[in-house]
Structures are given as structure tokens and as C-alpha cells.
N, C-alpha and C. Protein backbone atom coordinates (compact mmCIF):
# COMPACT_ATOMS: atom_id res chain seq x y z
N LEU A 1 89.73 37.99 19.01
CA LEU A 1 88.54 37.41 19.60
C LEU A 1 88.60 37.43 21.13
N LEU A 2 89.74 37.03 21.71
CA LEU A 2 89.85 37.02 23.16
C LEU A 2 89.79 38.42 23.76
N ALA A 3 90.19 39.40 22.98
CA ALA A 3 90.15 40.78 23.48
C ALA A 3 88.73 41.19 23.84
N ASN A 4 87.75 40.60 23.21
CA ASN A 4 86.36 40.94 23.48
C ASN A 4 85.86 40.40 24.82
N VAL A 5 86.61 39.52 25.43
CA VAL A 5 86.23 38.99 26.74
C VAL A 5 87.29 39.37 27.78
N ASN A 6 87.78 40.60 27.66
CA ASN A 6 88.83 41.07 28.55
C ASN A 6 88.44 40.95 30.02
N SER A 7 87.18 41.17 30.34
CA SER A 7 86.72 41.09 31.73
C SER A 7 86.87 39.69 32.29
N LEU A 8 86.76 38.68 31.45
CA LEU A 8 86.93 37.31 31.90
C LEU A 8 88.34 37.12 32.48
N PHE A 9 89.33 37.64 31.78
CA PHE A 9 90.71 37.53 32.27
C PHE A 9 90.89 38.27 33.59
N LEU A 10 90.23 39.42 33.71
CA LEU A 10 90.33 40.19 34.95
C LEU A 10 89.67 39.44 36.11
N ASN A 11 88.54 38.82 35.86
CA ASN A 11 87.85 38.05 36.90
C ASN A 11 88.67 36.83 37.32
N ILE A 12 89.25 36.14 36.36
CA ILE A 12 90.12 35.00 36.68
C ILE A 12 91.27 35.46 37.55
N SER A 13 91.85 36.60 37.19
CA SER A 13 92.97 37.15 37.95
C SER A 13 92.58 37.43 39.39
N SER A 14 91.45 38.06 39.57
CA SER A 14 90.97 38.39 40.90
C SER A 14 90.79 37.12 41.74
N CYS A 15 90.25 36.08 41.13
CA CYS A 15 90.07 34.80 41.84
C CYS A 15 91.42 34.19 42.22
N TYR A 16 92.36 34.20 41.31
CA TYR A 16 93.69 33.67 41.63
C TYR A 16 94.34 34.47 42.77
N ASN A 17 94.13 35.76 42.77
CA ASN A 17 94.71 36.58 43.84
C ASN A 17 94.12 36.19 45.19
N LEU A 18 92.83 35.93 45.22
CA LEU A 18 92.18 35.55 46.47
C LEU A 18 92.55 34.15 46.93
N THR A 19 93.01 33.31 46.01
CA THR A 19 93.43 31.96 46.38
C THR A 19 94.94 31.88 46.57
N ASP A 20 95.55 33.03 46.71
CA ASP A 20 96.99 33.13 47.00
C ASP A 20 97.86 32.48 45.92
N LYS A 21 97.52 32.80 44.67
CA LYS A 21 98.32 32.35 43.52
C LYS A 21 98.71 33.59 42.74
N PRO A 22 99.65 34.39 43.30
CA PRO A 22 99.97 35.69 42.71
C PRO A 22 100.57 35.64 41.31
N ASP A 23 101.32 34.59 40.99
CA ASP A 23 101.90 34.52 39.65
C ASP A 23 100.81 34.35 38.60
N SER A 24 99.86 33.47 38.88
CA SER A 24 98.73 33.29 37.95
C SER A 24 97.87 34.55 37.90
N ALA A 25 97.65 35.16 39.06
CA ALA A 25 96.85 36.39 39.12
C ALA A 25 97.49 37.47 38.26
N LEU A 26 98.79 37.64 38.38
CA LEU A 26 99.49 38.66 37.61
C LEU A 26 99.46 38.35 36.12
N TYR A 27 99.62 37.09 35.76
CA TYR A 27 99.58 36.69 34.36
C TYR A 27 98.24 37.07 33.73
N TYR A 28 97.14 36.70 34.39
CA TYR A 28 95.82 36.95 33.82
C TYR A 28 95.42 38.43 33.86
N VAL A 29 95.82 39.15 34.90
CA VAL A 29 95.47 40.57 34.92
C VAL A 29 96.20 41.32 33.82
N ASN A 30 97.46 40.96 33.58
CA ASN A 30 98.20 41.62 32.50
C ASN A 30 97.58 41.34 31.14
N LYS A 31 97.11 40.10 30.96
CA LYS A 31 96.38 39.76 29.72
C LYS A 31 95.11 40.60 29.61
N GLY A 32 94.36 40.67 30.69
CA GLY A 32 93.10 41.43 30.69
C GLY A 32 93.32 42.90 30.41
N ILE A 33 94.35 43.47 31.02
CA ILE A 33 94.66 44.89 30.77
C ILE A 33 95.07 45.09 29.33
N ALA A 34 95.91 44.21 28.81
CA ALA A 34 96.36 44.34 27.41
C ALA A 34 95.17 44.24 26.45
N PHE A 35 94.28 43.28 26.68
CA PHE A 35 93.10 43.14 25.83
C PHE A 35 92.17 44.34 25.97
N SER A 36 92.05 44.87 27.18
CA SER A 36 91.21 46.06 27.40
C SER A 36 91.74 47.24 26.60
N LYS A 37 93.05 47.39 26.59
CA LYS A 37 93.66 48.47 25.79
C LYS A 37 93.44 48.24 24.31
N GLN A 38 93.56 46.97 23.90
CA GLN A 38 93.41 46.63 22.48
C GLN A 38 92.04 47.02 21.95
N VAL A 39 91.00 46.80 22.74
CA VAL A 39 89.64 47.13 22.29
C VAL A 39 89.19 48.49 22.81
N GLU A 40 90.11 49.22 23.43
CA GLU A 40 89.87 50.57 23.96
C GLU A 40 88.71 50.59 24.95
N ASN A 41 88.70 49.61 25.85
CA ASN A 41 87.69 49.55 26.90
C ASN A 41 88.31 50.14 28.17
N LEU A 42 88.10 51.43 28.36
CA LEU A 42 88.73 52.14 29.46
C LEU A 42 88.23 51.65 30.82
N THR A 43 86.96 51.31 30.91
CA THR A 43 86.42 50.82 32.18
C THR A 43 87.12 49.54 32.60
N SER A 44 87.25 48.60 31.69
CA SER A 44 87.94 47.35 32.01
C SER A 44 89.42 47.58 32.30
N GLU A 45 90.02 48.50 31.58
CA GLU A 45 91.42 48.81 31.85
C GLU A 45 91.60 49.33 33.28
N ALA A 46 90.74 50.26 33.69
CA ALA A 46 90.83 50.79 35.05
C ALA A 46 90.54 49.70 36.08
N ASN A 47 89.55 48.85 35.80
CA ASN A 47 89.27 47.73 36.70
C ASN A 47 90.50 46.84 36.85
N GLY A 48 91.12 46.54 35.72
CA GLY A 48 92.32 45.70 35.74
C GLY A 48 93.46 46.32 36.53
N LEU A 49 93.63 47.62 36.39
CA LEU A 49 94.69 48.29 37.15
C LEU A 49 94.42 48.22 38.65
N ASN A 50 93.17 48.33 39.04
CA ASN A 50 92.82 48.19 40.46
C ASN A 50 93.07 46.76 40.96
N ILE A 51 92.75 45.78 40.14
CA ILE A 51 93.02 44.39 40.51
C ILE A 51 94.52 44.16 40.63
N ARG A 52 95.27 44.67 39.65
CA ARG A 52 96.72 44.49 39.69
C ARG A 52 97.33 45.20 40.89
N ALA A 53 96.78 46.35 41.26
CA ALA A 53 97.26 47.05 42.46
C ALA A 53 97.06 46.17 43.70
N ALA A 54 95.95 45.47 43.76
CA ALA A 54 95.71 44.56 44.89
C ALA A 54 96.73 43.42 44.90
N ILE A 55 97.05 42.92 43.72
CA ILE A 55 98.06 41.86 43.62
C ILE A 55 99.41 42.39 44.07
N TYR A 56 99.77 43.57 43.58
CA TYR A 56 101.04 44.17 43.98
C TYR A 56 101.08 44.43 45.48
N SER A 57 99.97 44.89 46.04
CA SER A 57 99.93 45.16 47.48
C SER A 57 100.18 43.89 48.28
N ARG A 58 99.57 42.79 47.86
CA ARG A 58 99.78 41.51 48.56
C ARG A 58 101.21 41.04 48.46
N ARG A 59 101.91 41.47 47.40
CA ARG A 59 103.32 41.09 47.21
C ARG A 59 104.26 42.14 47.78
N ASP A 60 103.70 43.14 48.44
CA ASP A 60 104.46 44.23 49.06
C ASP A 60 105.23 45.07 48.02
N LEU A 61 104.65 45.21 46.83
CA LEU A 61 105.21 46.05 45.78
C LEU A 61 104.44 47.37 45.79
N LYS A 62 104.76 48.18 46.79
CA LYS A 62 103.98 49.40 47.07
C LYS A 62 104.05 50.42 45.95
N LYS A 63 105.23 50.64 45.40
CA LYS A 63 105.37 51.64 44.34
C LYS A 63 104.53 51.27 43.12
N GLU A 64 104.58 50.01 42.74
CA GLU A 64 103.83 49.54 41.57
C GLU A 64 102.32 49.64 41.82
N ALA A 65 101.90 49.31 43.05
CA ALA A 65 100.48 49.40 43.39
C ALA A 65 100.00 50.84 43.30
N LEU A 66 100.79 51.76 43.82
CA LEU A 66 100.41 53.17 43.79
C LEU A 66 100.30 53.69 42.36
N ILE A 67 101.22 53.32 41.51
CA ILE A 67 101.18 53.74 40.10
C ILE A 67 99.89 53.27 39.45
N ASP A 68 99.53 51.99 39.68
CA ASP A 68 98.29 51.46 39.08
C ASP A 68 97.05 52.16 39.62
N LEU A 69 97.01 52.41 40.93
CA LEU A 69 95.85 53.10 41.51
C LEU A 69 95.70 54.51 40.97
N GLU A 70 96.81 55.22 40.86
CA GLU A 70 96.75 56.59 40.33
C GLU A 70 96.36 56.60 38.86
N THR A 71 96.88 55.64 38.09
CA THR A 71 96.55 55.56 36.67
C THR A 71 95.07 55.22 36.49
N ALA A 72 94.57 54.28 37.29
CA ALA A 72 93.14 53.91 37.21
C ALA A 72 92.26 55.12 37.50
N LEU A 73 92.63 55.90 38.50
CA LEU A 73 91.85 57.09 38.85
C LEU A 73 91.85 58.09 37.69
N GLN A 74 92.98 58.27 37.05
CA GLN A 74 93.04 59.19 35.90
C GLN A 74 92.16 58.71 34.75
N ILE A 75 92.14 57.40 34.53
CA ILE A 75 91.28 56.84 33.49
C ILE A 75 89.81 57.09 33.85
N ARG A 76 89.45 56.87 35.11
CA ARG A 76 88.07 57.10 35.53
C ARG A 76 87.66 58.55 35.32
N LYS A 77 88.60 59.46 35.62
CA LYS A 77 88.29 60.89 35.42
C LYS A 77 88.10 61.18 33.93
N LYS A 78 88.87 60.52 33.10
CA LYS A 78 88.73 60.69 31.64
C LYS A 78 87.37 60.20 31.17
N ILE A 79 86.94 59.06 31.72
CA ILE A 79 85.63 58.50 31.37
C ILE A 79 84.52 59.41 31.89
N GLY A 80 84.70 59.91 33.10
CA GLY A 80 83.71 60.82 33.69
C GLY A 80 82.62 60.13 34.49
N ASP A 81 82.79 58.86 34.82
CA ASP A 81 81.80 58.14 35.61
C ASP A 81 82.02 58.47 37.08
N LEU A 82 81.14 59.31 37.62
CA LEU A 82 81.31 59.83 38.98
C LEU A 82 81.36 58.72 40.02
N HIS A 83 80.54 57.73 39.87
CA HIS A 83 80.52 56.63 40.84
C HIS A 83 81.90 55.97 40.94
N TYR A 84 82.49 55.67 39.80
CA TYR A 84 83.78 54.98 39.81
C TYR A 84 84.93 55.92 40.17
N ILE A 85 84.80 57.18 39.86
CA ILE A 85 85.83 58.13 40.30
C ILE A 85 85.89 58.13 41.82
N ILE A 86 84.73 58.24 42.43
CA ILE A 86 84.67 58.26 43.90
C ILE A 86 85.14 56.92 44.47
N SER A 87 84.74 55.83 43.84
CA SER A 87 85.17 54.51 44.30
C SER A 87 86.69 54.37 44.23
N ASP A 88 87.28 54.82 43.13
CA ASP A 88 88.73 54.71 42.98
C ASP A 88 89.48 55.64 43.93
N MET A 89 88.88 56.78 44.24
CA MET A 89 89.48 57.65 45.26
C MET A 89 89.48 56.93 46.60
N GLY A 90 88.42 56.18 46.88
CA GLY A 90 88.35 55.38 48.09
C GLY A 90 89.42 54.29 48.11
N GLN A 91 89.64 53.67 46.96
CA GLN A 91 90.70 52.66 46.86
C GLN A 91 92.06 53.26 47.16
N LEU A 92 92.29 54.44 46.62
CA LEU A 92 93.57 55.12 46.85
C LEU A 92 93.72 55.50 48.33
N ALA A 93 92.66 55.96 48.94
CA ALA A 93 92.70 56.30 50.37
C ALA A 93 92.99 55.05 51.20
N HIS A 94 92.36 53.95 50.84
CA HIS A 94 92.60 52.68 51.54
C HIS A 94 94.06 52.26 51.39
N TYR A 95 94.61 52.41 50.20
CA TYR A 95 96.01 52.08 49.97
C TYR A 95 96.92 52.88 50.91
N TYR A 96 96.66 54.18 51.00
CA TYR A 96 97.50 55.01 51.87
C TYR A 96 97.40 54.55 53.33
N ALA A 97 96.24 54.15 53.76
CA ALA A 97 96.11 53.63 55.12
C ALA A 97 96.91 52.34 55.27
N TYR A 98 96.86 51.51 54.25
CA TYR A 98 97.57 50.22 54.24
C TYR A 98 99.08 50.41 54.35
N VAL A 99 99.61 51.44 53.70
CA VAL A 99 101.06 51.66 53.73
C VAL A 99 101.46 52.63 54.84
N LYS A 100 100.56 52.82 55.77
CA LYS A 100 100.83 53.63 56.96
C LYS A 100 101.11 55.10 56.63
N GLN A 101 100.38 55.61 55.64
CA GLN A 101 100.43 57.03 55.30
C GLN A 101 99.01 57.59 55.45
N ALA A 102 98.51 57.45 56.66
CA ALA A 102 97.12 57.80 56.94
C ALA A 102 96.79 59.24 56.58
N ASP A 103 97.73 60.16 56.78
CA ASP A 103 97.45 61.56 56.45
C ASP A 103 97.07 61.73 54.97
N LYS A 104 97.77 61.02 54.10
CA LYS A 104 97.43 61.08 52.67
C LYS A 104 96.06 60.45 52.41
N GLY A 105 95.78 59.35 53.09
CA GLY A 105 94.48 58.69 52.94
C GLY A 105 93.34 59.58 53.40
N ILE A 106 93.56 60.27 54.51
CA ILE A 106 92.54 61.19 55.02
C ILE A 106 92.34 62.34 54.04
N ALA A 107 93.43 62.87 53.51
CA ALA A 107 93.33 63.98 52.55
C ALA A 107 92.55 63.55 51.31
N ILE A 108 92.83 62.37 50.79
CA ILE A 108 92.10 61.85 49.62
C ILE A 108 90.62 61.68 49.99
N SER A 109 90.36 61.18 51.18
CA SER A 109 88.98 60.98 51.62
C SER A 109 88.21 62.29 51.64
N PHE A 110 88.84 63.34 52.16
CA PHE A 110 88.18 64.64 52.16
C PHE A 110 87.99 65.17 50.74
N GLN A 111 88.95 64.87 49.85
CA GLN A 111 88.79 65.27 48.45
C GLN A 111 87.57 64.59 47.84
N PHE A 112 87.41 63.28 48.09
CA PHE A 112 86.27 62.63 47.44
C PHE A 112 84.96 63.00 48.10
N ILE A 113 84.98 63.41 49.36
CA ILE A 113 83.75 63.93 49.97
C ILE A 113 83.35 65.23 49.30
N GLU A 114 84.32 66.12 49.12
CA GLU A 114 84.03 67.39 48.44
C GLU A 114 83.63 67.16 46.99
N PHE A 115 84.32 66.26 46.32
CA PHE A 115 83.99 65.92 44.94
C PHE A 115 82.55 65.41 44.86
N SER A 116 82.16 64.58 45.82
CA SER A 116 80.80 64.03 45.84
C SER A 116 79.76 65.14 46.02
N LYS A 117 80.05 66.07 46.91
CA LYS A 117 79.11 67.16 47.16
C LYS A 117 78.89 68.00 45.90
N LYS A 118 79.95 68.23 45.14
CA LYS A 118 79.86 69.04 43.93
C LYS A 118 79.23 68.28 42.77
N SER A 119 79.33 66.95 42.81
CA SER A 119 78.93 66.15 41.66
C SER A 119 77.49 65.65 41.74
N TYR A 120 76.95 65.52 42.93
CA TYR A 120 75.61 64.94 43.06
C TYR A 120 74.60 65.95 43.48
């Protein structure tokens, strides 16, 4: 039953992250991701991975954040929703700027510009 409200757990997690309660944020995002997988809701799963990446970034867990961002992007590509593919590419570019790898962020940005031109 709770799996059907997976987005609720993701929203709670996001709120906890913004109120600087990373342990609670991580607890709820992991629940939301698990429930999203259980009901095969790829959109919610990718959303959860992006939220968890933000939590990891705030905790300076760069490797874990990057894994979640890349996984979310792959899920978006599988779904085929162009808007969210481009949005997640932007998230990844922002991450690279955050970790002082601007060249990678710029490269991703140019990729999503070209992707946008071909897709719209």
C-alpha cells in the first residue's frame, strides 16, 4: 500500500534535506526509491535519485552523488521523456560545477544543447 505513495516519501525527504536533517532525508529518500522500484515507477525512481544526490552533495559524498545523477539520467533516457532528460543533464552539469570540474559541466551543457536541437 505505501509503495503507491512513493512520491510522498520523496517529498518528505526533500523537505528534511532543506531543513538540514540529512539522516531523516536519507531515510525517507531510500524508502521512496525502494517503493518506486517496487511499483516500477521509473519517473519517481529517477526523481528520488536526484533528491538523494542532493543529500549526498550536502554531505560531501561526491562519488555517491555522481552515481545517482548518472543513474537517474540513464533512467530518463530509458523512459524517453525529453524534458526530464534535458533537466537531468542540467543537474549533472551543475554537479560538475559544484565539484570544481567546470570543463565536464560545460561539456554536458553543450551535449544537452545539441540534444535539445535534435529533439525539438
